[in-house]
Amino acid sequence: PLHWLKVEQQTFDKWVDEEIVRKEMEQLADIGDIYRPVNCDTKEPLDFLMVGYFSFKDLWPAKKRFDQMVLDGVRFDVTICKPWFIGLYPKGGVIPIGGSA
């Protein structure tokens, strides 16, 4: 299984492409997946990316290194996800609580 970081944009004048974030964050360790969740009702992208590392031991060094990073003029906050958090934001869209996508 992958171990996840939430990489949240702090400025919203543009969305930073996932590949720009991947290129930067893969300098630390291999990334298994990266995606931007979308709202299931509006199909609008949410203001954060989910970045999955193969090893749990890479999460804390990645958080320390990349928290408050600026890429393409956009600042990011990085947090380590609790195991249940990824279930709220599955790849392909956000599933409403009590419903299905």
PDB file of N, CA and C in Angstrom:
ATOM      1  N   PRO A   1       0.829  -1.196   0.000  1.00  0.00           N
ATOM      2  CA  PRO A   1       0.000   0.000   0.000  1.00  0.00           C
ATOM      3  C   PRO A   1       0.876   1.265   0.000  1.00  0.00           C
ATOM      4  N   LEU A   2       0.293   2.334  -0.484  1.00  0.00           N
ATOM      5  CA  LEU A   2       0.998   3.614  -0.487  1.00  0.00           C
ATOM      6  C   LEU A   2       0.742   4.354   0.820  1.00  0.00           C
ATOM      7  N   HIS A   3       1.636   5.265   1.119  1.00  0.00           N
ATOM      8  CA  HIS A   3       1.550   6.101   2.313  1.00  0.00           C
ATOM      9  C   HIS A   3       1.463   7.542   1.816  1.00  0.00           C
ATOM     10  N   TRP A   4       0.486   8.311   2.330  1.00  0.00           N
ATOM     11  CA  TRP A   4       0.046   9.526   1.651  1.00  0.00           C
ATOM     12  C   TRP A   4       0.388  10.817   2.380  1.00  0.00           C
ATOM     13  N   LEU A   5       0.690  11.830   1.552  1.00  0.00           N
ATOM     14  CA  LEU A   5       0.817  13.213   1.992  1.00  0.00           C
ATOM     15  C   LEU A   5      -0.270  14.029   1.304  1.00  0.00           C
ATOM     16  N   LYS A   6      -0.779  15.001   2.012  1.00  0.00           N
ATOM     17  CA  LYS A   6      -1.689  15.994   1.432  1.00  0.00           C
ATOM     18  C   LYS A   6      -0.847  17.230   1.146  1.00  0.00           C
ATOM     19  N   VAL A   7      -0.829  17.642  -0.112  1.00  0.00           N
ATOM     20  CA  VAL A   7      -0.036  18.784  -0.553  1.00  0.00           C
ATOM     21  C   VAL A   7      -1.029  19.861  -0.985  1.00  0.00           C
ATOM     22  N   GLU A   8      -1.239  20.827  -0.099  1.00  0.00           N
ATOM     23  CA  GLU A   8      -2.333  21.792  -0.250  1.00  0.00           C
ATOM     24  C   GLU A   8      -1.825  23.151  -0.726  1.00  0.00           C
ATOM     25  N   GLN A   9      -2.402  23.622  -1.823  1.00  0.00           N
ATOM     26  CA  GLN A   9      -2.054  24.942  -2.340  1.00  0.00           C
ATOM     27  C   GLN A   9      -2.530  26.027  -1.386  1.00  0.00           C
ATOM     28  N   GLN A  10      -1.699  27.046  -1.203  1.00  0.00           N
ATOM     29  CA  GLN A  10      -2.072  28.173  -0.345  1.00  0.00           C
ATOM     30  C   GLN A  10      -2.421  29.416  -1.153  1.00  0.00           C
ATOM     31  N   THR A  11      -2.172  29.386  -2.441  1.00  0.00           N
ATOM     32  CA  THR A  11      -2.598  30.450  -3.344  1.00  0.00           C
ATOM     33  C   THR A  11      -3.368  29.787  -4.480  1.00  0.00           C
ATOM     34  N   PHE A  12      -4.370  30.483  -4.999  1.00  0.00           N
ATOM     35  CA  PHE A  12      -5.321  29.809  -5.883  1.00  0.00           C
ATOM     36  C   PHE A  12      -5.516  30.493  -7.230  1.00  0.00           C
ATOM     37  N   ASP A  13      -4.562  31.338  -7.637  1.00  0.00           N
ATOM     38  CA  ASP A  13      -4.728  31.991  -8.932  1.00  0.00           C
ATOM     39  C   ASP A  13      -4.516  31.023 -10.091  1.00  0.00           C
ATOM     40  N   LYS A  14      -3.886  29.860  -9.823  1.00  0.00           N
ATOM     41  CA  LYS A  14      -3.729  28.818 -10.838  1.00  0.00           C
ATOM     42  C   LYS A  14      -3.518  27.488 -10.129  1.00  0.00           C
ATOM     43  N   TRP A  15      -3.825  26.401 -10.856  1.00  0.00           N
ATOM     44  CA  TRP A  15      -3.550  25.064 -10.345  1.00  0.00           C
ATOM     45  C   TRP A  15      -2.176  24.650 -10.824  1.00  0.00           C
ATOM     46  N   VAL A  16      -1.344  24.175  -9.912  1.00  0.00           N
ATOM     47  CA  VAL A  16      -0.041  23.658 -10.287  1.00  0.00           C
ATOM     48  C   VAL A  16      -0.216  22.224 -10.771  1.00  0.00           C
ATOM     49  N   ASP A  17       0.379  21.926 -11.903  1.00  0.00           N
ATOM     50  CA  ASP A  17       0.266  20.612 -12.516  1.00  0.00           C
ATOM     51  C   ASP A  17       0.892  19.531 -11.632  1.00  0.00           C
ATOM     52  N   GLU A  18       0.249  18.376 -11.592  1.00  0.00           N
ATOM     53  CA  GLU A  18       0.737  17.259 -10.789  1.00  0.00           C
ATOM     54  C   GLU A  18       2.172  16.867 -11.141  1.00  0.00           C
ATOM     55  N   GLU A  19       2.520  16.953 -12.419  1.00  0.00           N
ATOM     56  CA  GLU A  19       3.855  16.530 -12.845  1.00  0.00           C
ATOM     57  C   GLU A  19       4.952  17.455 -12.328  1.00  0.00           C
ATOM     58  N   ILE A  20       4.650  18.728 -12.130  1.00  0.00           N
ATOM     59  CA  ILE A  20       5.618  19.656 -11.536  1.00  0.00           C
ATOM     60  C   ILE A  20       5.890  19.248 -10.090  1.00  0.00           C
ATOM     61  N   VAL A  21       4.822  18.920  -9.361  1.00  0.00           N
ATOM     62  CA  VAL A  21       4.968  18.483  -7.970  1.00  0.00           C
ATOM     63  C   VAL A  21       5.680  17.130  -7.922  1.00  0.00           C
ATOM     64  N   ARG A  22       5.315  16.212  -8.800  1.00  0.00           N
ATOM     65  CA  ARG A  22       5.955  14.889  -8.838  1.00  0.00           C
ATOM     66  C   ARG A  22       7.461  15.032  -9.060  1.00  0.00           C
ATOM     67  N   LYS A  23       7.842  15.840 -10.030  1.00  0.00           N
ATOM     68  CA  LYS A  23       9.260  16.002 -10.356  1.00  0.00           C
ATOM     69  C   LYS A  23      10.051  16.492  -9.142  1.00  0.00           C
ATOM     70  N   GLU A  24       9.482  17.426  -8.399  1.00  0.00           N
ATOM     71  CA  GLU A  24      10.160  17.959  -7.215  1.00  0.00           C
ATOM     72  C   GLU A  24      10.210  16.927  -6.089  1.00  0.00           C
ATOM     73  N   MET A  25       9.080  16.304  -5.803  1.00  0.00           N
ATOM     74  CA  MET A  25       8.993  15.419  -4.644  1.00  0.00           C
ATOM     75  C   MET A  25       9.644  14.055  -4.880  1.00  0.00           C
ATOM     76  N   GLU A  26       9.821  13.650  -6.133  1.00  0.00           N
ATOM     77  CA  GLU A  26      10.505  12.391  -6.411  1.00  0.00           C
ATOM     78  C   GLU A  26      12.014  12.496  -6.200  1.00  0.00           C
ATOM     79  N   GLN A  27      12.520  13.699  -5.965  1.00  0.00           N
ATOM     80  CA  GLN A  27      13.939  13.846  -5.661  1.00  0.00           C
ATOM     81  C   GLN A  27      14.286  13.165  -4.338  1.00  0.00           C
ATOM     82  N   LEU A  28      13.292  13.043  -3.462  1.00  0.00           N
ATOM     83  CA  LEU A  28      13.506  12.418  -2.154  1.00  0.00           C
ATOM     84  C   LEU A  28      13.366  10.895  -2.219  1.00  0.00           C
ATOM     85  N   ALA A  29      12.298  10.429  -2.847  1.00  0.00           N
ATOM     86  CA  ALA A  29      12.026   8.991  -2.937  1.00  0.00           C
ATOM     87  C   ALA A  29      11.009   8.751  -4.048  1.00  0.00           C
ATOM     88  N   ASP A  30      10.907   7.501  -4.488  1.00  0.00           N
ATOM     89  CA  ASP A  30       9.960   7.154  -5.547  1.00  0.00           C
ATOM     90  C   ASP A  30       8.524   7.373  -5.081  1.00  0.00           C
ATOM     91  N   ILE A  31       7.714   7.911  -5.971  1.00  0.00           N
ATOM     92  CA  ILE A  31       6.294   8.157  -5.710  1.00  0.00           C
ATOM     93  C   ILE A  31       5.480   7.113  -6.465  1.00  0.00           C
ATOM     94  N   GLY A  32       4.530   6.517  -5.769  1.00  0.00           N
ATOM     95  CA  GLY A  32       3.679   5.500  -6.381  1.00  0.00           C
ATOM     96  C   GLY A  32       2.494   6.080  -7.125  1.00  0.00           C
ATOM     97  N   ASP A  33       1.992   7.231  -6.644  1.00  0.00           N
ATOM     98  CA  ASP A  33       0.830   7.855  -7.280  1.00  0.00           C
ATOM     99  C   ASP A  33       0.739   9.297  -6.823  1.00  0.00           C
ATOM    100  N   ILE A  34       0.160  10.110  -7.680  1.00  0.00           N
ATOM    101  CA  ILE A  34      -0.130  11.503  -7.340  1.00  0.00           C
ATOM    102  C   ILE A  34      -1.377  11.898  -8.121  1.00  0.00           C
ATOM    103  N   TYR A  35      -2.306  12.554  -7.449  1.00  0.00           N
ATOM    104  CA  TYR A  35      -3.520  13.001  -8.133  1.00  0.00           C
ATOM    105  C   TYR A  35      -4.178  14.137  -7.358  1.00  0.00           C
ATOM    106  N   ARG A  36      -5.009  14.884  -8.092  1.00  0.00           N
ATOM    107  CA  ARG A  36      -5.796  15.960  -7.487  1.00  0.00           C
ATOM    108  C   ARG A  36      -7.246  15.484  -7.402  1.00  0.00           C
ATOM    109  N   PRO A  37      -7.776  15.300  -6.183  1.00  0.00           N
ATOM    110  CA  PRO A  37      -9.185  14.891  -6.062  1.00  0.00           C
ATOM    111  C   PRO A  37     -10.124  15.952  -6.646  1.00  0.00           C
ATOM    112  N   VAL A  38     -11.289  15.506  -7.056  1.00  0.00           N
ATOM    113  CA  VAL A  38     -12.309  16.416  -7.567  1.00  0.00           C
ATOM    114  C   VAL A  38     -13.591  16.256  -6.759  1.00  0.00           C
ATOM    115  N   ASN A  39     -14.375  17.310  -6.710  1.00  0.00           N
ATOM    116  CA  ASN A  39     -15.680  17.270  -6.068  1.00  0.00           C
ATOM    117  C   ASN A  39     -16.608  16.446  -6.952  1.00  0.00           C
ATOM    118  N   CYS A  40     -17.269  15.440  -6.383  1.00  0.00           N
ATOM    119  CA  CYS A  40     -18.097  14.539  -7.196  1.00  0.00           C
ATOM    120  C   CYS A  40     -19.338  15.222  -7.759  1.00  0.00           C
ATOM    121  N   ASP A  41     -19.810  16.281  -7.120  1.00  0.00           N
ATOM    122  CA  ASP A  41     -20.996  16.979  -7.614  1.00  0.00           C
ATOM    123  C   ASP A  41     -20.660  17.970  -8.719  1.00  0.00           C
ATOM    124  N   THR A  42     -19.634  18.788  -8.481  1.00  0.00           N
ATOM    125  CA  THR A  42     -19.308  19.857  -9.432  1.00  0.00           C
ATOM    126  C   THR A  42     -18.227  19.470 -10.424  1.00  0.00           C
ATOM    127  N   LYS A  43     -17.498  18.399 -10.128  1.00  0.00           N
ATOM    128  CA  LYS A  43     -16.347  17.956 -10.928  1.00  0.00           C
ATOM    129  C   LYS A  43     -15.206  18.972 -10.917  1.00  0.00           C
ATOM    130  N   GLU A  44     -15.283  19.940 -10.001  1.00  0.00           N
ATOM    131  CA  GLU A  44     -14.219  20.930  -9.847  1.00  0.00           C
ATOM    132  C   GLU A  44     -13.069  20.320  -9.050  1.00  0.00           C
ATOM    133  N   PRO A  45     -11.829  20.652  -9.438  1.00  0.00           N
ATOM    134  CA  PRO A  45     -10.696  20.141  -8.672  1.00  0.00           C
ATOM    135  C   PRO A  45     -10.643  20.763  -7.277  1.00  0.00           C
ATOM    136  N   LEU A  46     -10.198  19.968  -6.308  1.00  0.00           N
ATOM    137  CA  LEU A  46     -10.008  20.473  -4.952  1.00  0.00           C
ATOM    138  C   LEU A  46      -8.638  21.155  -4.862  1.00  0.00           C
ATOM    139  N   ASP A  47      -8.385  21.843  -3.766  1.00  0.00           N
ATOM    140  CA  ASP A  47      -7.188  22.683  -3.654  1.00  0.00           C
ATOM    141  C   ASP A  47      -5.962  21.946  -3.136  1.00  0.00           C
ATOM    142  N   PHE A  48      -5.942  20.632  -3.307  1.00  0.00           N
ATOM    143  CA  PHE A  48      -4.778  19.878  -2.846  1.00  0.00           C
ATOM    144  C   PHE A  48      -4.529  18.662  -3.731  1.00  0.00           C
ATOM    145  N   LEU A  49      -3.319  18.154  -3.605  1.00  0.00           N
ATOM    146  CA  LEU A  49      -2.910  16.929  -4.278  1.00  0.00           C
ATOM    147  C   LEU A  49      -2.698  15.847  -3.233  1.00  0.00           C
ATOM    148  N   MET A  50      -2.898  14.619  -3.621  1.00  0.00           N
ATOM    149  CA  MET A  50      -2.553  13.468  -2.799  1.00  0.00           C
ATOM    150  C   MET A  50      -1.291  12.875  -3.417  1.00  0.00           C
ATOM    151  N   VAL A  51      -0.249  12.736  -2.593  1.00  0.00           N
ATOM    152  CA  VAL A  51       1.024  12.189  -3.058  1.00  0.00           C
ATOM    153  C   VAL A  51       1.313  10.935  -2.252  1.00  0.00           C
ATOM    154  N   GLY A  52       1.428   9.808  -2.934  1.00  0.00           N
ATOM    155  CA  GLY A  52       1.637   8.527  -2.272  1.00  0.00           C
ATOM    156  C   GLY A  52       3.054   8.002  -2.455  1.00  0.00           C
ATOM    157  N   TYR A  53       3.744   7.813  -1.334  1.00  0.00           N
ATOM    158  CA  TYR A  53       5.084   7.212  -1.347  1.00  0.00           C
ATOM    159  C   TYR A  53       4.957   5.724  -1.048  1.00  0.00           C
ATOM    160  N   PHE A  54       5.912   4.947  -1.562  1.00  0.00           N
ATOM    161  CA  PHE A  54       5.913   3.503  -1.333  1.00  0.00           C
ATOM    162  C   PHE A  54       6.246   3.152   0.112  1.00  0.00           C
ATOM    163  N   SER A  55       7.071   3.970   0.757  1.00  0.00           N
ATOM    164  CA  SER A  55       7.532   3.644   2.103  1.00  0.00           C
ATOM    165  C   SER A  55       7.050   4.673   3.130  1.00  0.00           C
ATOM    166  N   PHE A  56       6.529   4.181   4.239  1.00  0.00           N
ATOM    167  CA  PHE A  56       6.100   5.049   5.332  1.00  0.00           C
ATOM    168  C   PHE A  56       7.255   5.896   5.850  1.00  0.00           C
ATOM    169  N   LYS A  57       8.468   5.343   5.837  1.00  0.00           N
ATOM    170  CA  LYS A  57       9.628   6.069   6.374  1.00  0.00           C
ATOM    171  C   LYS A  57       9.972   7.310   5.556  1.00  0.00           C
ATOM    172  N   ASP A  58       9.428   7.455   4.358  1.00  0.00           N
ATOM    173  CA  ASP A  58       9.693   8.635   3.537  1.00  0.00           C
ATOM    174  C   ASP A  58       8.761   9.810   3.850  1.00  0.00           C
ATOM    175  N   LEU A  59       7.689   9.568   4.611  1.00  0.00           N
ATOM    176  CA  LEU A  59       6.699  10.629   4.841  1.00  0.00           C
ATOM    177  C   LEU A  59       7.253  11.795   5.661  1.00  0.00           C
ATOM    178  N   TRP A  60       7.869  11.510   6.796  1.00  0.00           N
ATOM    179  CA  TRP A  60       8.349  12.605   7.649  1.00  0.00           C
ATOM    180  C   TRP A  60       9.455  13.415   6.970  1.00  0.00           C
ATOM    181  N   PRO A  61      10.468  12.773   6.353  1.00  0.00           N
ATOM    182  CA  PRO A  61      11.460  13.573   5.628  1.00  0.00           C
ATOM    183  C   PRO A  61      10.843  14.405   4.497  1.00  0.00           C
ATOM    184  N   ALA A  62       9.841  13.837   3.810  1.00  0.00           N
ATOM    185  CA  ALA A  62       9.180  14.587   2.733  1.00  0.00           C
ATOM    186  C   ALA A  62       8.418  15.776   3.289  1.00  0.00           C
ATOM    187  N   LYS A  63       7.710  15.586   4.405  1.00  0.00           N
ATOM    188  CA  LYS A  63       6.984  16.700   5.015  1.00  0.00           C
ATOM    189  C   LYS A  63       7.950  17.804   5.411  1.00  0.00           C
ATOM    190  N   LYS A  64       9.035  17.439   6.078  1.00  0.00           N
ATOM    191  CA  LYS A  64      10.005  18.439   6.523  1.00  0.00           C
ATOM    192  C   LYS A  64      10.644  19.174   5.344  1.00  0.00           C
ATOM    193  N   ARG A  65      10.946  18.447   4.299  1.00  0.00           N
ATOM    194  CA  ARG A  65      11.628  19.055   3.147  1.00  0.00           C
ATOM    195  C   ARG A  65      10.709  19.911   2.288  1.00  0.00           C
ATOM    196  N   PHE A  66       9.460  19.489   2.101  1.00  0.00           N
ATOM    197  CA  PHE A  66       8.593  20.139   1.121  1.00  0.00           C
ATOM    198  C   PHE A  66       7.516  21.046   1.716  1.00  0.00           C
ATOM    199  N   ASP A  67       7.299  21.010   3.036  1.00  0.00           N
ATOM    200  CA  ASP A  67       6.315  21.915   3.632  1.00  0.00           C
ATOM    201  C   ASP A  67       6.747  23.354   3.387  1.00  0.00           C
ATOM    202  N   GLN A  68       5.827  24.175   2.945  1.00  0.00           N
ATOM    203  CA  GLN A  68       6.050  25.592   2.621  1.00  0.00           C
ATOM    204  C   GLN A  68       6.859  25.781   1.331  1.00  0.00           C
ATOM    205  N   MET A  69       6.981  24.732   0.524  1.00  0.00           N
ATOM    206  CA  MET A  69       7.697  24.876  -0.743  1.00  0.00           C
ATOM    207  C   MET A  69       6.907  25.781  -1.681  1.00  0.00           C
ATOM    208  N   VAL A  70       7.616  26.401  -2.603  1.00  0.00           N
ATOM    209  CA  VAL A  70       7.004  27.224  -3.641  1.00  0.00           C
ATOM    210  C   VAL A  70       7.386  26.618  -4.986  1.00  0.00           C
ATOM    211  N   LEU A  71       6.384  26.228  -5.752  1.00  0.00           N
ATOM    212  CA  LEU A  71       6.585  25.691  -7.093  1.00  0.00           C
ATOM    213  C   LEU A  71       5.749  26.494  -8.066  1.00  0.00           C
ATOM    214  N   ASP A  72       6.354  26.934  -9.130  1.00  0.00           N
ATOM    215  CA  ASP A  72       5.632  27.677 -10.161  1.00  0.00           C
ATOM    216  C   ASP A  72       4.874  28.864  -9.563  1.00  0.00           C
ATOM    217  N   GLY A  73       5.475  29.487  -8.518  1.00  0.00           N
ATOM    218  CA  GLY A  73       4.888  30.661  -7.884  1.00  0.00           C
ATOM    219  C   GLY A  73       3.790  30.372  -6.878  1.00  0.00           C
ATOM    220  N   VAL A  74       3.550  29.101  -6.548  1.00  0.00           N
ATOM    221  CA  VAL A  74       2.488  28.710  -5.633  1.00  0.00           C
ATOM    222  C   VAL A  74       3.103  28.058  -4.395  1.00  0.00           C
ATOM    223  N   ARG A  75       2.682  28.516  -3.199  1.00  0.00           N
ATOM    224  CA  ARG A  75       3.167  27.949  -1.939  1.00  0.00           C
ATOM    225  C   ARG A  75       2.259  26.803  -1.509  1.00  0.00           C
ATOM    226  N   PHE A  76       2.865  25.775  -0.902  1.00  0.00           N
ATOM    227  CA  PHE A  76       2.143  24.579  -0.481  1.00  0.00           C
ATOM    228  C   PHE A  76       2.367  24.294   0.999  1.00  0.00           C
ATOM    229  N   ASP A  77       1.339  23.782   1.658  1.00  0.00           N
ATOM    230  CA  ASP A  77       1.453  23.173   2.979  1.00  0.00           C
ATOM    231  C   ASP A  77       1.406  21.664   2.765  1.00  0.00           C
ATOM    232  N   VAL A  78       2.259  20.951   3.483  1.00  0.00           N
ATOM    233  CA  VAL A  78       2.322  19.490   3.352  1.00  0.00           C
ATOM    234  C   VAL A  78       2.013  18.867   4.703  1.00  0.00           C
ATOM    235  N   THR A  79       1.065  17.932   4.721  1.00  0.00           N
ATOM    236  CA  THR A  79       0.730  17.217   5.945  1.00  0.00           C
ATOM    237  C   THR A  79       0.697  15.716   5.672  1.00  0.00           C
ATOM    238  N   ILE A  80       1.020  14.953   6.697  1.00  0.00           N
ATOM    239  CA  ILE A  80       0.946  13.495   6.601  1.00  0.00           C
ATOM    240  C   ILE A  80      -0.504  13.081   6.824  1.00  0.00           C
ATOM    241  N   CYS A  81      -1.031  12.260   5.938  1.00  0.00           N
ATOM    242  CA  CYS A  81      -2.430  11.842   6.028  1.00  0.00           C
ATOM    243  C   CYS A  81      -2.607  10.712   7.037  1.00  0.00           C
ATOM    244  N   LYS A  82      -3.683  10.786   7.780  1.00  0.00           N
ATOM    245  CA  LYS A  82      -4.114   9.659   8.609  1.00  0.00           C
ATOM    246  C   LYS A  82      -4.602   8.559   7.665  1.00  0.00           C
ATOM    247  N   PRO A  83      -4.533   7.310   8.078  1.00  0.00           N
ATOM    248  CA  PRO A  83      -4.950   6.216   7.178  1.00  0.00           C
ATOM    249  C   PRO A  83      -6.377   6.369   6.645  1.00  0.00           C
ATOM    250  N   TRP A  84      -7.298   6.912   7.416  1.00  0.00           N
ATOM    251  CA  TRP A  84      -8.693   7.032   6.976  1.00  0.00           C
ATOM    252  C   TRP A  84      -8.893   8.170   5.972  1.00  0.00           C
ATOM    253  N   PHE A  85      -7.953   9.127   5.927  1.00  0.00           N
ATOM    254  CA  PHE A  85      -8.143  10.322   5.096  1.00  0.00           C
ATOM    255  C   PHE A  85      -8.210   9.985   3.612  1.00  0.00           C
ATOM    256  N   ILE A  86      -7.348   9.073   3.170  1.00  0.00           N
ATOM    257  CA  ILE A  86      -7.314   8.733   1.748  1.00  0.00           C
ATOM    258  C   ILE A  86      -8.653   8.151   1.286  1.00  0.00           C
ATOM    259  N   GLY A  87      -9.376   7.490   2.191  1.00  0.00           N
ATOM    260  CA  GLY A  87     -10.685   6.950   1.840  1.00  0.00           C
ATOM    261  C   GLY A  87     -11.720   8.018   1.541  1.00  0.00           C
ATOM    262  N   LEU A  88     -11.524   9.219   2.082  1.00  0.00           N
ATOM    263  CA  LEU A  88     -12.441  10.321   1.806  1.00  0.00           C
ATOM    264  C   LEU A  88     -12.217  10.933   0.433  1.00  0.00           C
ATOM    265  N   TYR A  89     -11.023  10.748  -0.121  1.00  0.00           N
ATOM    266  CA  TYR A  89     -10.656  11.392  -1.380  1.00  0.00           C
ATOM    267  C   TYR A  89     -10.065  10.371  -2.350  1.00  0.00           C
ATOM    268  N   PRO A  90     -10.859   9.386  -2.762  1.00  0.00           N
ATOM    269  CA  PRO A  90     -10.338   8.362  -3.667  1.00  0.00           C
ATOM    270  C   PRO A  90     -10.023   8.954  -5.041  1.00  0.00           C
ATOM    271  N   LYS A  91      -9.110   8.314  -5.721  1.00  0.00           N
ATOM    272  CA  LYS A  91      -8.769   8.751  -7.073  1.00  0.00           C
ATOM    273  C   LYS A  91     -10.017   8.670  -7.944  1.00  0.00           C
ATOM    274  N   GLY A  92     -10.279   9.718  -8.697  1.00  0.00           N
ATOM    275  CA  GLY A  92     -11.441   9.728  -9.578  1.00  0.00           C
ATOM    276  C   GLY A  92     -12.593  10.564  -9.057  1.00  0.00           C
ATOM    277  N   GLY A  93     -12.544  10.981  -7.795  1.00  0.00           N
ATOM    278  CA  GLY A  93     -13.597  11.845  -7.270  1.00  0.00           C
ATOM    279  C   GLY A  93     -13.897  11.590  -5.818  1.00  0.00           C
ATOM    280  N   VAL A  94     -14.537  12.539  -5.227  1.00  0.00           N
ATOM    281  CA  VAL A  94     -14.901  12.442  -3.819  1.00  0.00           C
ATOM    282  C   VAL A  94     -16.270  11.775  -3.732  1.00  0.00           C
ATOM    283  N   ILE A  95     -16.343  10.714  -2.943  1.00  0.00           N
ATOM    284  CA  ILE A  95     -17.608  10.011  -2.759  1.00  0.00           C
ATOM    285  C   ILE A  95     -18.358  10.651  -1.602  1.00  0.00           C
ATOM    286  N   PRO A  96     -19.588  11.067  -1.808  1.00  0.00           N
ATOM    287  CA  PRO A  96     -20.327  11.699  -0.716  1.00  0.00           C
ATOM    288  C   PRO A  96     -20.544  10.736   0.451  1.00  0.00           C
ATOM    289  N   ILE A  97     -20.515  11.248   1.652  1.00  0.00           N
ATOM    290  CA  ILE A  97     -20.759  10.430   2.833  1.00  0.00           C
ATOM    291  C   ILE A  97     -22.174   9.856   2.748  1.00  0.00           C
ATOM    292  N   GLY A  98     -22.284   8.557   2.916  1.00  0.00           N
ATOM    293  CA  GLY A  98     -23.585   7.909   2.862  1.00  0.00           C
ATOM    294  C   GLY A  98     -24.095   7.668   1.452  1.00  0.00           C
ATOM    295  N   GLY A  99     -23.289   7.946   0.450  1.00  0.00           N
ATOM    296  CA  GLY A  99     -23.745   7.765  -0.925  1.00  0.00           C
ATOM    297  C   GLY A  99     -22.685   7.091  -1.776  1.00  0.00           C
ATOM    298  N   SER A 100     -22.891   7.122  -3.041  1.00  0.00           N
ATOM    299  CA  SER A 100     -21.911   6.554  -3.970  1.00  0.00           C
ATOM    300  C   SER A 100     -21.708   7.531  -5.118  1.00  0.00           C
ATOM    301  N   ALA A 101     -20.582   7.429  -5.737  1.00  0.00           N
ATOM    302  CA  ALA A 101     -20.239   8.371  -6.818  1.00  0.00           C
ATOM    303  C   ALA A 101     -21.017   8.071  -8.068  1.00  0.00           C
TER     304      ALA A 101
END
